[in-house]
């Protein structure tokens, strides 16, 4: 509701790097699968490399839980993080007014390489966060700020190091990512492999892969500061559906340690390879902040289904 590059290296480079990662893949679960075998089955369950290689843009519409005031900023963060992107977390709000849940319409557009645009409607205004692949800006009218602000240093760093459109384990060797098995745990009552994913820059993320479906049912988000401490954040991914050959979660639920309240993000439509002009990811202008995206010629969506 980790969020945000040159995309793929050659298969030859991937094969060479695979040998260097052999030490991380030496530990195997009770079922006898190595880490590379678990990841291979996960990639296949998500649609396969060929299908993800063909994805150049993703456009998503839906609704997300939010409170009021500054918690709208947190909801924007959760929306980006839920779809594989990430920005700086705002401080946790504690007042009754700010913890009251409402549902806000949102639109998220992503385009290679690492371009993203997030819009959230609140109180008759549209908040925007965009990233053009190198620089990011935000417009936050819900805080009575009508000026376009640049991303903070931390936000920009997050965007530079995030994955592109695909799930984090797609082409992980080519990205310089190391994966190690840390056992298994129950997620939503089902057994899941617990994987330690170390990115090329040293950042570490936990990813849980269901032992039957091999879908990534739970991933670690950016930690959030509460009570003066950084608390772990977890994103549960449910209701996977196939959209043009790739599996996409239609329900995200974000929780953080020490806070009983969760945020849900419900996806209503997903469009793959919709034409998105680069101007959509340029610095936003106040006068066009609420301008809707142009209608697409063909909409690749999946009819809603009950959340699982």
C-alpha atoms as a PDB file:
ATOM      1  CA  UNK A   1       0.000   0.000   0.000  1.00  0.00           C
ATOM      2  CA  UNK A   2      10.405  -1.913  -1.528  1.00  0.00           C
ATOM      3  CA  UNK A   3       9.119  -0.958  -3.280  1.00  0.00           C
ATOM      4  CA  UNK A   4      11.732   1.572  -6.729  1.00  0.00           C
ATOM      5  CA  UNK A   5      17.635   0.084 -13.754  1.00  0.00           C
ATOM      6  CA  UNK A   6      19.257  -1.495 -16.323  1.00  0.00           C
ATOM      7  CA  UNK A   7      16.900  -4.421 -16.428  1.00  0.00           C
ATOM      8  CA  UNK A   8      18.387  -7.738 -17.528  1.00  0.00           C
ATOM      9  CA  UNK A   9      21.930  -9.045 -18.124  1.00  0.00           C
ATOM     10  CA  UNK A  10      22.660 -11.786 -20.640  1.00  0.00           C
ATOM     11  CA  UNK A  11      21.918 -15.426 -19.864  1.00  0.00           C
ATOM     12  CA  UNK A  12      25.623 -16.110 -20.178  1.00  0.00           C
ATOM     13  CA  UNK A  13      26.386 -13.674 -17.363  1.00  0.00           C
ATOM     14  CA  UNK A  14      23.620 -15.268 -15.300  1.00  0.00           C
ATOM     15  CA  UNK A  15      25.157 -18.709 -15.723  1.00  0.00           C
ATOM     16  CA  UNK A  16      28.573 -17.452 -14.628  1.00  0.00           C
ATOM     17  CA  UNK A  17      27.180 -15.739 -11.539  1.00  0.00           C
ATOM     18  CA  UNK A  18      25.196 -18.831 -10.584  1.00  0.00           C
ATOM     19  CA  UNK A  19      28.415 -20.649  -9.698  1.00  0.00           C
ATOM     20  CA  UNK A  20      29.464 -17.795  -7.428  1.00  0.00           C
ATOM     21  CA  UNK A  21      26.206 -18.174  -5.501  1.00  0.00           C
ATOM     22  CA  UNK A  22      26.582 -21.897  -4.930  1.00  0.00           C
ATOM     23  CA  UNK A  23      27.476 -21.443  -1.268  1.00  0.00           C
ATOM     24  CA  UNK A  24      24.170 -19.700  -0.539  1.00  0.00           C
ATOM     25  CA  UNK A  25      22.270 -22.467  -2.282  1.00  0.00           C
ATOM     26  CA  UNK A  26      23.868 -25.377  -0.424  1.00  0.00           C
ATOM     27  CA  UNK A  27      21.206 -25.571   2.269  1.00  0.00           C
ATOM     28  CA  UNK A  28      18.129 -27.532   1.218  1.00  0.00           C
ATOM     29  CA  UNK A  29      14.697 -27.937   2.860  1.00  0.00           C
ATOM     30  CA  UNK A  30      13.224 -31.207   4.036  1.00  0.00           C
ATOM     31  CA  UNK A  31      11.679 -31.741   0.606  1.00  0.00           C
ATOM     32  CA  UNK A  32      15.177 -31.861  -0.862  1.00  0.00           C
ATOM     33  CA  UNK A  33      14.929 -28.745  -3.016  1.00  0.00           C
ATOM     34  CA  UNK A  34      17.881 -26.396  -3.304  1.00  0.00           C
ATOM     35  CA  UNK A  35      17.439 -22.638  -3.191  1.00  0.00           C
ATOM     36  CA  UNK A  36      17.849 -22.382  -6.961  1.00  0.00           C
ATOM     37  CA  UNK A  37      15.162 -25.045  -7.466  1.00  0.00           C
ATOM     38  CA  UNK A  38      12.782 -23.203  -5.120  1.00  0.00           C
ATOM     39  CA  UNK A  39      13.370 -19.946  -6.987  1.00  0.00           C
ATOM     40  CA  UNK A  40      12.989 -21.630 -10.379  1.00  0.00           C
ATOM     41  CA  UNK A  41       9.604 -23.045  -9.337  1.00  0.00           C
ATOM     42  CA  UNK A  42       8.621 -19.658  -7.941  1.00  0.00           C
ATOM     43  CA  UNK A  43       9.503 -17.919 -11.208  1.00  0.00           C
ATOM     44  CA  UNK A  44       7.476 -20.503 -13.125  1.00  0.00           C
ATOM     45  CA  UNK A  45       4.526 -20.034 -10.750  1.00  0.00           C
ATOM     46  CA  UNK A  46       4.654 -16.273 -11.360  1.00  0.00           C
ATOM     47  CA  UNK A  47       4.451 -16.816 -15.125  1.00  0.00           C
ATOM     48  CA  UNK A  48       8.035 -17.501 -16.161  1.00  0.00           C
ATOM     49  CA  UNK A  49      10.944 -15.411 -17.403  1.00  0.00           C
ATOM     50  CA  UNK A  50       9.633 -15.072 -20.960  1.00  0.00           C
ATOM     51  CA  UNK A  51       6.318 -13.617 -19.826  1.00  0.00           C
ATOM     52  CA  UNK A  52       7.980 -11.145 -17.444  1.00  0.00           C
ATOM     53  CA  UNK A  53      10.541 -10.140 -20.071  1.00  0.00           C
ATOM     54  CA  UNK A  54       7.606  -9.111 -22.270  1.00  0.00           C
ATOM     55  CA  UNK A  55       6.141  -6.802 -19.619  1.00  0.00           C
ATOM     56  CA  UNK A  56       7.106  -3.193 -20.314  1.00  0.00           C
ATOM     57  CA  UNK A  57       4.370  -1.351 -18.414  1.00  0.00           C
ATOM     58  CA  UNK A  58       1.891  -2.131 -15.641  1.00  0.00           C
ATOM     59  CA  UNK A  59      -1.126   0.042 -14.805  1.00  0.00           C
ATOM     60  CA  UNK A  60      -3.099  -0.676 -11.637  1.00  0.00           C
ATOM     61  CA  UNK A  61      -6.295   0.768 -10.185  1.00  0.00           C
ATOM     62  CA  UNK A  62      -7.869   0.006  -6.851  1.00  0.00           C
ATOM     63  CA  UNK A  63      -8.603   1.193  -3.333  1.00  0.00           C
ATOM     64  CA  UNK A  64      -6.446   1.288  -0.248  1.00  0.00           C
ATOM     65  CA  UNK A  65      -7.056   1.722   3.447  1.00  0.00           C
ATOM     66  CA  UNK A  66      -5.989   5.014   4.956  1.00  0.00           C
ATOM     67  CA  UNK A  67      -6.601   7.225   7.916  1.00  0.00           C
ATOM     68  CA  UNK A  68      -6.637  11.008   7.735  1.00  0.00           C
ATOM     69  CA  UNK A  69      -3.993  13.693   7.895  1.00  0.00           C
ATOM     70  CA  UNK A  70      -0.394  12.532   7.604  1.00  0.00           C
ATOM     71  CA  UNK A  71      -1.458   8.889   7.459  1.00  0.00           C
ATOM     72  CA  UNK A  72      -2.405   9.488   3.812  1.00  0.00           C
ATOM     73  CA  UNK A  73       1.333   9.792   3.161  1.00  0.00           C
ATOM     74  CA  UNK A  74       1.828   6.417   4.832  1.00  0.00           C
ATOM     75  CA  UNK A  75      -0.841   4.950   2.585  1.00  0.00           C
ATOM     76  CA  UNK A  76       0.942   6.270  -0.491  1.00  0.00           C
ATOM     77  CA  UNK A  77       4.074   4.576   0.772  1.00  0.00           C
ATOM     78  CA  UNK A  78       2.226   1.302   1.322  1.00  0.00           C
ATOM     79  CA  UNK A  79       0.707   1.430  -2.150  1.00  0.00           C
ATOM     80  CA  UNK A  80       4.101   1.810  -3.788  1.00  0.00           C
ATOM     81  CA  UNK A  81       5.708  -0.780  -1.555  1.00  0.00           C
ATOM     82  CA  UNK A  82       2.939  -3.290  -2.126  1.00  0.00           C
ATOM     83  CA  UNK A  83       3.606  -3.242  -5.854  1.00  0.00           C
ATOM     84  CA  UNK A  84       7.314  -3.721  -5.393  1.00  0.00           C
ATOM     85  CA  UNK A  85       8.335  -0.100  -5.044  1.00  0.00           C
ATOM     86  CA  UNK A  86       9.292   1.803  -1.933  1.00  0.00           C
ATOM     87  CA  UNK A  87       9.710   5.280  -0.541  1.00  0.00           C
ATOM     88  CA  UNK A  88      10.437   6.715   2.901  1.00  0.00           C
ATOM     89  CA  UNK A  89       7.901   5.892   5.585  1.00  0.00           C
ATOM     90  CA  UNK A  90       6.262   8.715   7.470  1.00  0.00           C
ATOM     91  CA  UNK A  91       6.050   8.569  11.255  1.00  0.00           C
ATOM     92  CA  UNK A  92       3.218   6.456  12.637  1.00  0.00           C
ATOM     93  CA  UNK A  93       0.148   8.432  13.684  1.00  0.00           C
ATOM     94  CA  UNK A  94      -1.508   7.645  16.983  1.00  0.00           C
ATOM     95  CA  UNK A  95      -4.575   9.841  17.330  1.00  0.00           C
ATOM     96  CA  UNK A  96      -8.048   8.358  16.981  1.00  0.00           C
ATOM     97  CA  UNK A  97      -8.782  10.595  13.999  1.00  0.00           C
ATOM     98  CA  UNK A  98      -5.677   9.481  12.150  1.00  0.00           C
ATOM     99  CA  UNK A  99      -6.272   5.786  12.759  1.00  0.00           C
ATOM    100  CA  UNK A 100      -9.860   5.894  11.473  1.00  0.00           C
ATOM    101  CA  UNK A 101      -9.864   3.841   8.279  1.00  0.00           C
ATOM    102  CA  UNK A 102     -11.241   5.076   4.984  1.00  0.00           C
ATOM    103  CA  UNK A 103     -10.794   3.686   1.490  1.00  0.00           C
ATOM    104  CA  UNK A 104      -9.141   5.862  -1.109  1.00  0.00           C
ATOM    105  CA  UNK A 105      -9.059   5.317  -4.886  1.00  0.00           C
ATOM    106  CA  UNK A 106      -5.554   5.067  -6.303  1.00  0.00           C
ATOM    107  CA  UNK A 107      -3.830   4.622  -9.649  1.00  0.00           C
ATOM    108  CA  UNK A 108      -0.306   3.307 -10.069  1.00  0.00           C
ATOM    109  CA  UNK A 109       1.566   3.261 -13.378  1.00  0.00           C
ATOM    110  CA  UNK A 110       5.000   1.705 -13.859  1.00  0.00           C
ATOM    111  CA  UNK A 111       7.208   1.622 -16.924  1.00  0.00           C
ATOM    112  CA  UNK A 112      10.683   0.337 -17.582  1.00  0.00           C
ATOM    113  CA  UNK A 113      13.217   1.375 -16.590  1.00  0.00           C
ATOM    114  CA  UNK A 114      11.994   2.180 -13.042  1.00  0.00           C
ATOM    115  CA  UNK A 115       9.511   4.880 -13.984  1.00  0.00           C
ATOM    116  CA  UNK A 116       6.473   5.157 -11.713  1.00  0.00           C
ATOM    117  CA  UNK A 117       3.495   7.419 -11.111  1.00  0.00           C
ATOM    118  CA  UNK A 118       1.161   7.071  -8.132  1.00  0.00           C
ATOM    119  CA  UNK A 119      -2.063   9.075  -7.715  1.00  0.00           C
ATOM    120  CA  UNK A 120      -4.366   8.935  -4.695  1.00  0.00           C
ATOM    121  CA  UNK A 121      -7.679  10.795  -4.459  1.00  0.00           C
ATOM    122  CA  UNK A 122      -8.478  12.323  -1.078  1.00  0.00           C
ATOM    123  CA  UNK A 123     -10.985  15.020  -0.063  1.00  0.00           C
ATOM    124  CA  UNK A 124     -11.524  16.118  -3.648  1.00  0.00           C
ATOM    125  CA  UNK A 125      -7.810  16.479  -4.355  1.00  0.00           C
ATOM    126  CA  UNK A 126      -5.234  14.236  -6.008  1.00  0.00           C
ATOM    127  CA  UNK A 127      -1.870  13.538  -4.430  1.00  0.00           C
ATOM    128  CA  UNK A 128       0.895  12.523  -6.833  1.00  0.00           C
ATOM    129  CA  UNK A 129       4.298  10.897  -6.570  1.00  0.00           C
ATOM    130  CA  UNK A 130       6.324  10.357  -9.736  1.00  0.00           C
ATOM    131  CA  UNK A 131       9.770   8.998 -10.551  1.00  0.00           C
ATOM    132  CA  UNK A 132      11.297   9.356 -14.007  1.00  0.00           C
ATOM    133  CA  UNK A 133      14.026   6.762 -13.533  1.00  0.00           C
ATOM    134  CA  UNK A 134      16.502   9.271 -12.087  1.00  0.00           C
ATOM    135  CA  UNK A 135      14.564  11.935 -10.164  1.00  0.00           C
ATOM    136  CA  UNK A 136      11.368  11.976  -8.143  1.00  0.00           C
ATOM    137  CA  UNK A 137       8.768  14.557  -7.114  1.00  0.00           C
ATOM    138  CA  UNK A 138       5.632  14.655  -4.978  1.00  0.00           C
ATOM    139  CA  UNK A 139       2.563  16.848  -4.723  1.00  0.00           C
ATOM    140  CA  UNK A 140       0.693  16.624  -1.413  1.00  0.00           C
ATOM    141  CA  UNK A 141      -2.414  18.864  -1.427  1.00  0.00           C
ATOM    142  CA  UNK A 142      -3.934  16.940   1.495  1.00  0.00           C
ATOM    143  CA  UNK A 143      -1.277  18.628   3.678  1.00  0.00           C
ATOM    144  CA  UNK A 144      -2.174  22.026   2.178  1.00  0.00           C
ATOM    145  CA  UNK A 145       1.053  21.931   0.188  1.00  0.00           C
ATOM    146  CA  UNK A 146       0.500  23.116  -3.347  1.00  0.00           C
ATOM    147  CA  UNK A 147       4.160  23.139  -4.322  1.00  0.00           C
ATOM    148  CA  UNK A 148       5.836  20.253  -6.093  1.00  0.00           C
ATOM    149  CA  UNK A 149       8.534  18.885  -3.782  1.00  0.00           C
ATOM    150  CA  UNK A 150      11.542  16.777  -4.784  1.00  0.00           C
ATOM    151  CA  UNK A 151      12.088  13.372  -3.228  1.00  0.00           C
ATOM    152  CA  UNK A 152      14.204  13.343  -0.121  1.00  0.00           C
ATOM    153  CA  UNK A 153      17.673  11.816  -0.308  1.00  0.00           C
ATOM    154  CA  UNK A 154      16.354   8.650   1.316  1.00  0.00           C
ATOM    155  CA  UNK A 155      13.396   8.425  -1.059  1.00  0.00           C
ATOM    156  CA  UNK A 156      15.659   8.874  -4.074  1.00  0.00           C
ATOM    157  CA  UNK A 157      18.028   6.196  -2.776  1.00  0.00           C
ATOM    158  CA  UNK A 158      15.136   3.768  -2.366  1.00  0.00           C
ATOM    159  CA  UNK A 159      14.090   4.332  -5.957  1.00  0.00           C
ATOM    160  CA  UNK A 160      17.614   3.797  -7.240  1.00  0.00           C
ATOM    161  CA  UNK A 161      17.942   0.419  -5.536  1.00  0.00           C
ATOM    162  CA  UNK A 162      14.463  -1.023  -6.000  1.00  0.00           C
ATOM    163  CA  UNK A 163      13.536  -3.777  -8.416  1.00  0.00           C
ATOM    164  CA  UNK A 164      11.873  -2.870 -11.701  1.00  0.00           C
ATOM    165  CA  UNK A 165       8.414  -4.166 -12.669  1.00  0.00           C
ATOM    166  CA  UNK A 166       9.000  -7.819 -11.879  1.00  0.00           C
ATOM    167  CA  UNK A 167       8.996  -9.643  -8.524  1.00  0.00           C
ATOM    168  CA  UNK A 168      12.375  -9.494  -6.721  1.00  0.00           C
ATOM    169  CA  UNK A 169      13.427 -13.078  -7.510  1.00  0.00           C
ATOM    170  CA  UNK A 170      12.953 -12.783 -11.272  1.00  0.00           C
ATOM    171  CA  UNK A 171      16.452 -12.929 -12.843  1.00  0.00           C
ATOM    172  CA  UNK A 172      17.959 -12.650  -9.375  1.00  0.00           C
ATOM    173  CA  UNK A 173      21.392 -13.970 -10.429  1.00  0.00           C
ATOM    174  CA  UNK A 174      21.705 -11.444 -13.242  1.00  0.00           C
ATOM    175  CA  UNK A 175      20.904  -8.669 -10.769  1.00  0.00           C
ATOM    176  CA  UNK A 176      23.696  -9.740  -8.438  1.00  0.00           C
ATOM    177  CA  UNK A 177      21.222 -10.871  -5.790  1.00  0.00           C
ATOM    178  CA  UNK A 178      22.105 -13.690  -3.390  1.00  0.00           C
ATOM    179  CA  UNK A 179      19.453 -16.001  -1.958  1.00  0.00           C
ATOM    180  CA  UNK A 180      19.786 -18.309   1.052  1.00  0.00           C
ATOM    181  CA  UNK A 181      17.298 -20.670   2.671  1.00  0.00           C
ATOM    182  CA  UNK A 182      16.573 -20.022   6.351  1.00  0.00           C
ATOM    183  CA  UNK A 183      14.093 -22.830   6.948  1.00  0.00           C
ATOM    184  CA  UNK A 184      10.313 -22.704   6.785  1.00  0.00           C
ATOM    185  CA  UNK A 185       7.457 -21.042   8.670  1.00  0.00           C
ATOM    186  CA  UNK A 186       3.672 -20.996   8.542  1.00  0.00           C
ATOM    187  CA  UNK A 187       2.089 -18.172   6.565  1.00  0.00           C
ATOM    188  CA  UNK A 188      -1.703 -17.956   6.693  1.00  0.00           C
ATOM    189  CA  UNK A 189      -1.772 -21.525   8.010  1.00  0.00           C
ATOM    190  CA  UNK A 190       0.342 -22.934   5.166  1.00  0.00           C
ATOM    191  CA  UNK A 191       3.999 -23.916   5.140  1.00  0.00           C
ATOM    192  CA  UNK A 192       6.327 -21.517   3.344  1.00  0.00           C
ATOM    193  CA  UNK A 193      10.048 -21.457   2.579  1.00  0.00           C
ATOM    194  CA  UNK A 194      11.784 -18.548   4.312  1.00  0.00           C
ATOM    195  CA  UNK A 195      14.358 -17.027   1.979  1.00  0.00           C
ATOM    196  CA  UNK A 196      16.975 -14.425   2.832  1.00  0.00           C
ATOM    197  CA  UNK A 197      17.405 -12.199  -0.202  1.00  0.00           C
ATOM    198  CA  UNK A 198      20.540 -10.024  -0.247  1.00  0.00           C
ATOM    199  CA  UNK A 199      20.573  -7.365  -2.946  1.00  0.00           C
ATOM    200  CA  UNK A 200      23.692  -6.274  -4.774  1.00  0.00           C
ATOM    201  CA  UNK A 201      23.937  -3.149  -2.601  1.00  0.00           C
ATOM    202  CA  UNK A 202      23.829  -5.224   0.594  1.00  0.00           C
ATOM    203  CA  UNK A 203      20.181  -4.609   1.543  1.00  0.00           C
ATOM    204  CA  UNK A 204      18.499  -7.712   2.964  1.00  0.00           C
ATOM    205  CA  UNK A 205      14.852  -8.743   2.534  1.00  0.00           C
ATOM    206  CA  UNK A 206      12.940 -11.797   3.734  1.00  0.00           C
ATOM    207  CA  UNK A 207      10.660 -13.495   1.193  1.00  0.00           C
ATOM    208  CA  UNK A 208       8.301 -16.380   1.985  1.00  0.00           C
ATOM    209  CA  UNK A 209       7.480 -18.841  -0.809  1.00  0.00           C
ATOM    210  CA  UNK A 210       4.480 -21.138  -0.363  1.00  0.00           C
ATOM    211  CA  UNK A 211       5.692 -24.749  -0.504  1.00  0.00           C
ATOM    212  CA  UNK A 212       2.715 -25.838  -2.641  1.00  0.00           C
ATOM    213  CA  UNK A 213       1.934 -22.910  -4.952  1.00  0.00           C
ATOM    214  CA  UNK A 214       5.500 -21.482  -4.938  1.00  0.00           C
ATOM    215  CA  UNK A 215       4.020 -17.984  -4.909  1.00  0.00           C
ATOM    216  CA  UNK A 216       5.624 -15.245  -2.789  1.00  0.00           C
ATOM    217  CA  UNK A 217       2.869 -15.000  -0.187  1.00  0.00           C
ATOM    218  CA  UNK A 218       4.735 -12.723   2.231  1.00  0.00           C
ATOM    219  CA  UNK A 219       7.573 -10.232   1.748  1.00  0.00           C
ATOM    220  CA  UNK A 220       9.424  -7.889   4.060  1.00  0.00           C
ATOM    221  CA  UNK A 221       8.867  -4.181   3.535  1.00  0.00           C
ATOM    222  CA  UNK A 222      10.894  -1.181   4.627  1.00  0.00           C
ATOM    223  CA  UNK A 223      10.955  -0.875   8.442  1.00  0.00           C
ATOM    224  CA  UNK A 224       8.816   1.854   9.995  1.00  0.00           C
ATOM    225  CA  UNK A 225       9.817   3.962  12.979  1.00  0.00           C
ATOM    226  CA  UNK A 226       7.449   3.644  15.945  1.00  0.00           C
ATOM    227  CA  UNK A 227       8.114   4.659  19.542  1.00  0.00           C
ATOM    228  CA  UNK A 228      11.626   5.643  18.579  1.00  0.00           C
ATOM    229  CA  UNK A 229      12.449   2.227  17.117  1.00  0.00           C
ATOM    230  CA  UNK A 230      12.483   0.806  13.612  1.00  0.00           C
ATOM    231  CA  UNK A 231       9.800  -1.885  13.461  1.00  0.00           C
ATOM    232  CA  UNK A 232       9.604  -4.675  10.871  1.00  0.00           C
ATOM    233  CA  UNK A 233       6.972  -4.294   8.147  1.00  0.00           C
ATOM    234  CA  UNK A 234       5.389  -7.281   6.395  1.00  0.00           C
ATOM    235  CA  UNK A 235       3.308  -7.413   3.230  1.00  0.00           C
ATOM    236  CA  UNK A 236       1.020 -10.416   2.741  1.00  0.00           C
ATOM    237  CA  UNK A 237       0.174 -11.036  -0.917  1.00  0.00           C
ATOM    238  CA  UNK A 238      -3.044 -12.901  -1.698  1.00  0.00           C
ATOM    239  CA  UNK A 239      -5.616 -13.538  -4.415  1.00  0.00           C
ATOM    240  CA  UNK A 240      -3.111 -14.121  -7.224  1.00  0.00           C
ATOM    241  CA  UNK A 241      -4.608 -13.952 -10.727  1.00  0.00           C
ATOM    242  CA  UNK A 242      -3.163 -14.387 -14.189  1.00  0.00           C
ATOM    243  CA  UNK A 243      -2.980 -11.254 -16.339  1.00  0.00           C
ATOM    244  CA  UNK A 244      -1.503 -11.768 -19.808  1.00  0.00           C
ATOM    245  CA  UNK A 245       0.586 -14.671 -18.637  1.00  0.00           C
ATOM    246  CA  UNK A 246       1.948 -13.251 -15.362  1.00  0.00           C
ATOM    247  CA  UNK A 247       0.564 -13.855 -11.876  1.00  0.00           C
ATOM    248  CA  UNK A 248      -0.330 -10.708  -9.944  1.00  0.00           C
ATOM    249  CA  UNK A 249      -1.660 -10.381  -6.363  1.00  0.00           C
ATOM    250  CA  UNK A 250      -5.001  -8.587  -6.153  1.00  0.00           C
ATOM    251  CA  UNK A 251      -4.901  -8.172  -2.380  1.00  0.00           C
ATOM    252  CA  UNK A 252      -2.057  -6.785  -0.273  1.00  0.00           C
ATOM    253  CA  UNK A 253      -2.202  -6.488   3.498  1.00  0.00           C
ATOM    254  CA  UNK A 254       0.551  -4.569   5.277  1.00  0.00           C
ATOM    255  CA  UNK A 255       1.277  -4.961   8.972  1.00  0.00           C
ATOM    256  CA  UNK A 256       4.074  -3.761  11.191  1.00  0.00           C
ATOM    257  CA  UNK A 257       5.371  -5.020  14.509  1.00  0.00           C
ATOM    258  CA  UNK A 258       3.780  -3.328  17.510  1.00  0.00           C
ATOM    259  CA  UNK A 259       0.717  -2.051  15.631  1.00  0.00           C
ATOM    260  CA  UNK A 260      -2.414  -4.242  15.582  1.00  0.00           C
ATOM    261  CA  UNK A 261      -3.930  -2.265  12.712  1.00  0.00           C
ATOM    262  CA  UNK A 262      -3.201  -3.365   9.166  1.00  0.00           C
ATOM    263  CA  UNK A 263      -3.588  -1.600   5.814  1.00  0.00           C
ATOM    264  CA  UNK A 264      -5.206  -3.389   2.889  1.00  0.00           C
ATOM    265  CA  UNK A 265      -4.810  -2.555  -0.756  1.00  0.00           C
ATOM    266  CA  UNK A 266      -7.416  -4.102  -3.048  1.00  0.00           C
ATOM    267  CA  UNK A 267      -6.623  -4.207  -6.758  1.00  0.00           C
ATOM    268  CA  UNK A 268      -9.570  -3.732  -9.106  1.00  0.00           C
ATOM    269  CA  UNK A 269      -7.891  -3.739 -12.523  1.00  0.00           C
ATOM    270  CA  UNK A 270      -4.440  -4.550 -13.870  1.00  0.00           C
ATOM    271  CA  UNK A 271      -3.347  -3.570 -17.384  1.00  0.00           C
ATOM    272  CA  UNK A 272      -0.190  -5.013 -18.910  1.00  0.00           C
ATOM    273  CA  UNK A 273       1.720  -3.130 -21.638  1.00  0.00           C
ATOM    274  CA  UNK A 274      -0.674  -0.217 -21.853  1.00  0.00           C
ATOM    275  CA  UNK A 275       0.917   2.642 -23.821  1.00  0.00           C
ATOM    276  CA  UNK A 276       2.297   5.139 -21.278  1.00  0.00           C
ATOM    277  CA  UNK A 277       3.957   8.296 -22.540  1.00  0.00           C
ATOM    278  CA  UNK A 278       7.151   9.306 -20.735  1.00  0.00           C
ATOM    279  CA  UNK A 279       5.474  12.641 -19.977  1.00  0.00           C
ATOM    280  CA  UNK A 280       3.355  10.780 -17.399  1.00  0.00           C
ATOM    281  CA  UNK A 281       6.516  10.405 -15.318  1.00  0.00           C
ATOM    282  CA  UNK A 282       7.816  13.970 -15.625  1.00  0.00           C
ATOM    283  CA  UNK A 283       7.707  16.567 -12.854  1.00  0.00           C
ATOM    284  CA  UNK A 284       4.008  17.136 -12.071  1.00  0.00           C
ATOM    285  CA  UNK A 285       2.344  20.513 -12.557  1.00  0.00           C
ATOM    286  CA  UNK A 286      -0.214  21.789 -10.067  1.00  0.00           C
ATOM    287  CA  UNK A 287      -2.742  22.723 -12.752  1.00  0.00           C
ATOM    288  CA  UNK A 288      -2.736  19.218 -14.233  1.00  0.00           C
ATOM    289  CA  UNK A 289      -2.438  17.303 -10.973  1.00  0.00           C
ATOM    290  CA  UNK A 290      -5.887  15.799 -11.268  1.00  0.00           C
ATOM    291  CA  UNK A 291      -5.756  15.124 -15.013  1.00  0.00           C
ATOM    292  CA  UNK A 292      -6.779  11.484 -15.556  1.00  0.00           C
ATOM    293  CA  UNK A 293      -4.651   9.130 -17.600  1.00  0.00           C
ATOM    294  CA  UNK A 294      -5.725   8.805 -21.262  1.00  0.00           C
ATOM    295  CA  UNK A 295      -8.070   5.935 -22.019  1.00  0.00           C
ATOM    296  CA  UNK A 296      -6.345   2.826 -23.289  1.00  0.00           C
ATOM    297  CA  UNK A 297      -7.225   1.183 -26.563  1.00  0.00           C
ATOM    298  CA  UNK A 298      -7.312  -2.286 -25.054  1.00  0.00           C
ATOM    299  CA  UNK A 299      -7.716  -3.047 -21.390  1.00  0.00           C
ATOM    300  CA  UNK A 300      -6.154  -6.257 -20.109  1.00  0.00           C
ATOM    301  CA  UNK A 301      -8.047  -6.743 -16.875  1.00  0.00           C
ATOM    302  CA  UNK A 302      -9.310  -9.608 -14.814  1.00  0.00           C
ATOM    303  CA  UNK A 303     -12.856  -9.602 -13.414  1.00  0.00           C
ATOM    304  CA  UNK A 304     -12.954  -9.083  -9.638  1.00  0.00           C
ATOM    305  CA  UNK A 305     -13.132 -12.184  -7.485  1.00  0.00           C
ATOM    306  CA  UNK A 306     -13.724 -12.613  -3.774  1.00  0.00           C
ATOM    307  CA  UNK A 307     -10.587 -11.875  -1.739  1.00  0.00           C
ATOM    308  CA  UNK A 308      -8.832 -14.935  -0.380  1.00  0.00           C
END
